[in-house]
Structure formats: C-alpha cells, structure tokens
Amino acid sequence: MTLSAAALGGTAHAAAPDPARKACAREAKTLCPAEMKSFSRKKVEACMIVKISQTSTECHAAMLRIKAEREAAGKR
C-alpha cells in the first residue's frame, strides 16, 4: 500500500479500492505534497477540496462526495 492510498483513506484490508480514490491519490502527490507527507487524511482531503478545480473528473467527483460527507457530519 502506498502512502497516498493510506492518506486518502485506503486500507490494507479493503477488498476493492475505489478507482476515484486511486486517481485522487496520484493527484494528491502533485497538488498537496506537504499534506501527503503529514500522513493526515483530513489534511490531504482538505487540501484536495481547496484545489478541486485542478483535479480530474473522476477525482473531482470523489472530492465532492467527501466534501458533502464533511458538511453533513458538521451539521450533526
């Protein structure tokens, strides 16, 4: 398992990794290198959400889902 997959929520026990997360993991290495080095999933996701306009269509959709999940969790 790579650092990028771990930072974006992948686990060694995941049965089938989400292709969007894989796409985002590759992009996060380029767009958010400092956050990737921090090993903090939340920091990586926050950075990717800020830079969402620079992501691929597949990653963009995944980041929108993550953003919606965060907003929903914040309303509880």
N, C-alpha and C. Protein backbone atom coordinates (compact mmCIF):
# COMPACT_ATOMS: atom_id res chain seq x y z
N MET A 1 0.86 -1.18 0.00
CA MET A 1 0.00 0.00 0.00
C MET A 1 0.89 1.23 0.00
N THR A 2 0.55 2.18 -0.79
CA THR A 2 1.35 3.39 -0.86
C THR A 2 0.87 4.40 0.17
N LEU A 3 1.73 5.35 0.45
CA LEU A 3 1.38 6.43 1.36
C LEU A 3 0.14 7.15 0.88
N SER A 4 0.07 7.41 -0.42
CA SER A 4 -1.05 8.18 -0.95
C SER A 4 -2.38 7.48 -0.72
N ALA A 5 -2.43 6.20 -0.91
CA ALA A 5 -3.68 5.49 -0.68
C ALA A 5 -4.06 5.53 0.79
N ALA A 6 -3.07 5.39 1.65
CA ALA A 6 -3.34 5.45 3.09
C ALA A 6 -3.83 6.83 3.49
N ALA A 7 -3.24 7.86 2.95
CA ALA A 7 -3.63 9.22 3.31
C ALA A 7 -5.03 9.56 2.85
N LEU A 8 -5.48 8.94 1.78
CA LEU A 8 -6.82 9.22 1.30
C LEU A 8 -7.83 8.17 1.76
N GLY A 9 -7.46 7.41 2.76
CA GLY A 9 -8.44 6.54 3.39
C GLY A 9 -8.41 5.09 2.96
N GLY A 10 -7.49 4.71 2.09
CA GLY A 10 -7.40 3.32 1.71
C GLY A 10 -6.84 2.52 2.87
N THR A 11 -7.19 1.25 2.94
CA THR A 11 -6.64 0.40 3.99
C THR A 11 -6.10 -0.86 3.35
N ALA A 12 -5.22 -1.51 4.04
CA ALA A 12 -4.65 -2.75 3.54
C ALA A 12 -5.72 -3.83 3.47
N HIS A 13 -6.80 -3.67 4.22
CA HIS A 13 -7.85 -4.68 4.28
C HIS A 13 -9.00 -4.40 3.32
N ALA A 14 -8.94 -3.34 2.56
CA ALA A 14 -10.02 -3.01 1.64
C ALA A 14 -10.11 -4.06 0.55
N ALA A 15 -11.29 -4.53 0.27
CA ALA A 15 -11.49 -5.57 -0.72
C ALA A 15 -11.23 -5.06 -2.13
N ALA A 16 -11.85 -3.96 -2.48
CA ALA A 16 -11.69 -3.40 -3.82
C ALA A 16 -11.57 -1.89 -3.69
N PRO A 17 -10.37 -1.34 -3.94
CA PRO A 17 -10.20 0.10 -3.78
C PRO A 17 -11.05 0.89 -4.77
N ASP A 18 -11.55 2.01 -4.31
CA ASP A 18 -12.36 2.90 -5.13
C ASP A 18 -11.46 3.53 -6.19
N PRO A 19 -11.78 3.39 -7.49
CA PRO A 19 -10.94 3.97 -8.54
C PRO A 19 -10.76 5.48 -8.40
N ALA A 20 -11.78 6.17 -7.90
CA ALA A 20 -11.67 7.62 -7.72
C ALA A 20 -10.63 7.95 -6.66
N ARG A 21 -10.61 7.19 -5.59
CA ARG A 21 -9.61 7.41 -4.54
C ARG A 21 -8.21 7.17 -5.10
N LYS A 22 -8.07 6.17 -5.97
CA LYS A 22 -6.76 5.91 -6.57
C LYS A 22 -6.35 7.10 -7.43
N ALA A 23 -7.29 7.64 -8.19
CA ALA A 23 -6.99 8.80 -9.03
C ALA A 23 -6.60 9.98 -8.17
N CYS A 24 -7.32 10.19 -7.09
CA CYS A 24 -7.03 11.31 -6.20
C CYS A 24 -5.68 11.12 -5.51
N ALA A 25 -5.34 9.90 -5.17
CA ALA A 25 -4.07 9.65 -4.51
C ALA A 25 -2.92 10.08 -5.40
N ARG A 26 -3.00 9.76 -6.67
CA ARG A 26 -1.95 10.17 -7.61
C ARG A 26 -1.89 11.68 -7.71
N GLU A 27 -3.04 12.31 -7.81
CA GLU A 27 -3.10 13.77 -7.94
C GLU A 27 -2.66 14.47 -6.66
N ALA A 28 -2.96 13.88 -5.52
CA ALA A 28 -2.59 14.49 -4.25
C ALA A 28 -1.08 14.59 -4.10
N LYS A 29 -0.35 13.63 -4.66
CA LYS A 29 1.11 13.69 -4.61
C LYS A 29 1.63 14.96 -5.26
N THR A 30 0.95 15.40 -6.31
CA THR A 30 1.37 16.59 -7.04
C THR A 30 0.77 17.86 -6.44
N LEU A 31 -0.51 17.84 -6.13
CA LEU A 31 -1.20 19.04 -5.68
C LEU A 31 -0.99 19.36 -4.20
N CYS A 32 -0.77 18.35 -3.38
CA CYS A 32 -0.69 18.56 -1.93
C CYS A 32 0.47 17.76 -1.32
N PRO A 33 1.69 17.97 -1.80
CA PRO A 33 2.81 17.14 -1.31
C PRO A 33 3.08 17.28 0.19
N ALA A 34 2.98 18.48 0.74
CA ALA A 34 3.24 18.66 2.18
C ALA A 34 2.22 17.91 3.01
N GLU A 35 0.97 17.96 2.60
CA GLU A 35 -0.09 17.26 3.33
C GLU A 35 0.09 15.75 3.22
N MET A 36 0.55 15.28 2.06
CA MET A 36 0.79 13.85 1.89
C MET A 36 1.88 13.38 2.86
N LYS A 37 2.90 14.19 3.05
CA LYS A 37 3.99 13.82 3.96
C LYS A 37 3.54 13.82 5.42
N SER A 38 2.44 14.51 5.71
CA SER A 38 1.95 14.59 7.09
C SER A 38 1.24 13.31 7.54
N PHE A 39 0.88 12.44 6.58
CA PHE A 39 0.13 11.22 6.87
C PHE A 39 -1.26 11.51 7.44
N SER A 40 -1.76 12.73 7.25
CA SER A 40 -3.07 13.10 7.78
C SER A 40 -4.11 13.08 6.66
N ARG A 41 -5.02 12.12 6.75
CA ARG A 41 -6.08 12.02 5.75
C ARG A 41 -6.89 13.30 5.68
N LYS A 42 -7.22 13.87 6.84
CA LYS A 42 -8.04 15.09 6.86
C LYS A 42 -7.32 16.25 6.18
N LYS A 43 -6.01 16.38 6.42
CA LYS A 43 -5.25 17.46 5.78
C LYS A 43 -5.19 17.28 4.27
N VAL A 44 -4.99 16.05 3.83
CA VAL A 44 -4.93 15.78 2.39
C VAL A 44 -6.28 16.08 1.75
N GLU A 45 -7.35 15.58 2.37
CA GLU A 45 -8.69 15.84 1.83
C GLU A 45 -8.99 17.32 1.79
N ALA A 46 -8.65 18.05 2.85
CA ALA A 46 -8.92 19.50 2.88
C ALA A 46 -8.16 20.21 1.77
N CYS A 47 -6.91 19.85 1.57
CA CYS A 47 -6.10 20.45 0.51
C CYS A 47 -6.71 20.14 -0.86
N MET A 48 -7.10 18.89 -1.07
CA MET A 48 -7.67 18.50 -2.36
C MET A 48 -9.00 19.20 -2.61
N ILE A 49 -9.78 19.43 -1.58
CA ILE A 49 -11.04 20.15 -1.74
C ILE A 49 -10.76 21.60 -2.14
N VAL A 50 -9.76 22.20 -1.53
CA VAL A 50 -9.38 23.58 -1.90
C VAL A 50 -8.95 23.64 -3.36
N LYS A 51 -8.26 22.61 -3.82
CA LYS A 51 -7.71 22.58 -5.18
C LYS A 51 -8.56 21.75 -6.13
N ILE A 52 -9.83 21.59 -5.80
CA ILE A 52 -10.72 20.71 -6.55
C ILE A 52 -10.80 21.08 -8.04
N SER A 53 -10.67 22.34 -8.37
CA SER A 53 -10.76 22.75 -9.78
C SER A 53 -9.58 22.24 -10.60
N GLN A 54 -8.52 21.80 -9.93
CA GLN A 54 -7.34 21.30 -10.62
C GLN A 54 -7.33 19.78 -10.76
N THR A 55 -8.38 19.13 -10.27
CA THR A 55 -8.43 17.67 -10.28
C THR A 55 -9.13 17.13 -11.52
N SER A 56 -8.90 15.85 -11.79
CA SER A 56 -9.56 15.17 -12.90
C SER A 56 -11.04 15.02 -12.60
N THR A 57 -11.80 14.69 -13.60
CA THR A 57 -13.25 14.50 -13.44
C THR A 57 -13.54 13.43 -12.39
N GLU A 58 -12.81 12.32 -12.45
CA GLU A 58 -13.02 11.21 -11.52
C GLU A 58 -12.71 11.63 -10.08
N CYS A 59 -11.59 12.30 -9.90
CA CYS A 59 -11.19 12.74 -8.56
C CYS A 59 -12.12 13.86 -8.07
N HIS A 60 -12.51 14.74 -8.96
CA HIS A 60 -13.41 15.84 -8.63
C HIS A 60 -14.69 15.29 -7.99
N ALA A 61 -15.25 14.26 -8.61
CA ALA A 61 -16.47 13.65 -8.09
C ALA A 61 -16.24 13.06 -6.69
N ALA A 62 -15.11 12.41 -6.50
CA ALA A 62 -14.79 11.84 -5.18
C ALA A 62 -14.64 12.94 -4.14
N MET A 63 -14.00 14.03 -4.50
CA MET A 63 -13.80 15.14 -3.56
C MET A 63 -15.13 15.80 -3.22
N LEU A 64 -16.04 15.89 -4.18
CA LEU A 64 -17.36 16.44 -3.89
C LEU A 64 -18.11 15.57 -2.89
N ARG A 65 -17.97 14.24 -3.03
CA ARG A 65 -18.61 13.32 -2.08
C ARG A 65 -18.01 13.50 -0.69
N ILE A 66 -16.69 13.60 -0.62
CA ILE A 66 -16.03 13.79 0.67
C ILE A 66 -16.44 15.12 1.30
N LYS A 67 -16.50 16.17 0.48
CA LYS A 67 -16.90 17.49 0.98
C LYS A 67 -18.33 17.43 1.54
N ALA A 68 -19.23 16.76 0.83
CA ALA A 68 -20.62 16.64 1.28
C ALA A 68 -20.68 15.85 2.58
N GLU A 69 -19.89 14.79 2.70
CA GLU A 69 -19.86 14.00 3.92
C GLU A 69 -19.38 14.84 5.11
N ARG A 70 -18.34 15.65 4.86
CA ARG A 70 -17.82 16.51 5.93
C ARG A 70 -18.86 17.54 6.37
N GLU A 71 -19.54 18.12 5.40
CA GLU A 71 -20.56 19.13 5.72
C GLU A 71 -21.71 18.50 6.49
N ALA A 72 -22.11 17.29 6.09
CA ALA A 72 -23.20 16.60 6.78
C ALA A 72 -22.78 16.25 8.21
N ALA A 73 -21.56 15.82 8.39
CA ALA A 73 -21.06 15.48 9.72
C ALA A 73 -20.98 16.71 10.60
N GLY A 74 -20.68 17.85 10.02
CA GLY A 74 -20.58 19.10 10.77
C GLY A 74 -21.92 19.63 11.24
N LYS A 75 -22.99 19.21 10.59
CA LYS A 75 -24.34 19.66 10.95
C LYS A 75 -24.94 18.84 12.07
N ARG A 76 -24.31 17.75 12.43
CA ARG A 76 -24.85 16.87 13.48
C ARG A 76 -24.56 17.41 14.84
